[in-house]
Protein backbone atom coordinates (compact mmCIF):
# COMPACT_ATOMS: atom_id res chain seq x y z
CA MET A 1 0.00 0.00 0.00
CA ALA A 2 1.43 3.36 -1.01
CA ALA A 3 1.77 6.17 1.47
CA PRO A 4 -0.87 8.89 1.24
CA LYS A 5 0.13 11.74 -1.08
CA LYS A 6 0.17 14.31 1.73
CA TYR A 7 2.56 12.14 3.77
CA SER A 8 4.87 11.64 0.76
CA ASP A 9 4.87 15.37 0.02
CA GLU A 10 5.74 16.18 3.63
CA LEU A 11 8.65 13.72 3.62
CA ARG A 12 9.94 15.10 0.32
CA GLU A 13 9.66 18.65 1.66
CA ARG A 14 11.50 17.71 4.86
CA ALA A 15 14.30 16.00 2.89
CA THR A 16 14.63 19.04 0.62
CA ARG A 17 14.82 21.37 3.61
CA MET A 18 17.49 19.20 5.22
CA ALA A 19 19.57 19.18 2.03
CA VAL A 20 19.30 22.95 1.69
CA GLU A 21 20.29 23.45 5.34
CA ALA A 22 23.27 21.10 4.93
CA PHE A 23 24.44 22.95 1.82
CA ASN A 24 23.98 26.32 3.52
CA SER A 25 26.06 25.15 6.48
CA LEU A 26 28.87 23.93 4.18
CA PHE A 27 28.71 27.13 2.16
CA LYS A 28 29.07 29.31 5.25
CA ALA A 29 31.88 27.20 6.72
CA GLU A 30 33.88 26.70 3.52
CA LEU A 31 33.45 30.05 1.83
CA ILE A 32 32.01 32.85 3.91
CA ARG A 33 33.91 32.21 7.17
CA ASN A 34 37.16 30.82 5.71
CA LYS A 35 37.78 33.20 2.81
CA GLY A 36 38.06 36.94 2.58
CA PRO A 37 38.27 39.55 3.84
CA TRP A 38 35.49 40.82 1.61
CA THR A 39 36.02 44.36 0.35
CA GLY A 40 32.64 44.69 -1.31
CA ILE A 41 29.63 42.94 -2.77
CA ASP A 42 31.44 42.34 -6.07
CA ASP A 43 34.06 40.23 -4.27
CA VAL A 44 31.35 38.16 -2.61
CA GLU A 45 29.46 37.65 -5.90
CA ILE A 46 32.59 36.40 -7.68
CA ALA A 47 33.52 34.12 -4.77
CA VAL A 48 29.99 32.65 -4.67
CA ALA A 49 30.03 31.95 -8.43
CA GLU A 50 33.42 30.24 -8.13
CA TYR A 51 32.27 28.19 -5.12
CA ILE A 52 29.10 27.01 -6.87
CA ASP A 53 31.13 26.03 -9.95
CA TRP A 54 33.57 24.08 -7.77
CA PHE A 55 30.74 22.47 -5.75
CA ASN A 56 28.80 21.35 -8.84
CA ARG A 57 31.66 20.42 -11.15
CA ARG A 58 35.00 19.76 -9.48
CA ARG A 59 34.68 18.66 -5.84
CA LEU A 60 35.29 15.00 -5.10
CA HIS A 61 32.07 13.43 -3.84
CA GLY A 62 32.30 10.35 -1.62
CA GLU A 63 28.85 9.06 -2.57
CA LEU A 64 29.84 9.19 -6.26
CA GLY A 65 32.95 7.04 -5.93
CA HIS A 66 35.16 10.06 -5.22
CA LEU A 67 34.42 11.54 -8.62
CA PRO A 68 33.46 15.14 -9.29
CA PRO A 69 29.70 15.48 -9.88
CA ALA A 70 30.15 16.65 -13.49
CA GLU A 71 32.38 13.66 -14.32
CA TYR A 72 29.96 11.23 -12.67
CA GLU A 73 27.04 12.72 -14.59
CA ALA A 74 28.96 12.43 -17.87
CA LEU A 75 29.73 8.76 -17.12
CA HIS A 76 26.13 8.14 -16.09
CA THR A 77 24.66 9.60 -19.28
CA ALA A 78 27.22 7.78 -21.46
CA SER A 79 26.87 4.33 -19.85
CA PRO A 80 23.97 1.93 -19.44
CA ALA A 81 22.83 1.86 -15.81
CA SER A 82 23.94 -1.75 -15.35
CA GLU A 83 27.59 -0.85 -16.07
CA LEU A 84 27.78 2.01 -13.57
CA THR A 85 29.10 0.99 -10.15
CA LEU A 86 30.12 3.14 -7.23
CA LYS A 87 33.14 2.50 -5.06
CA THR A 88 32.56 4.06 -1.67
CA SER A 89 34.77 3.69 1.32
């Protein structure tokens, strides 16, 4: 028996909120608090763009077999699902 739609929506919303809060915490710790000093809004805007690019494309992700997300996505779209295996430690 499937869960009622309202219950599923609430779980999905809670998971999304948790993911956003986790990202926000990482963002503050890794960029805002550890970099700088900021001399103006332009410096912050550039740093945020660079951080998002690094986060989405170049960081090594443990859940993706220590591959950058962009590389994993390229492998995933190029390979049949049965050939793709993750090596996590």
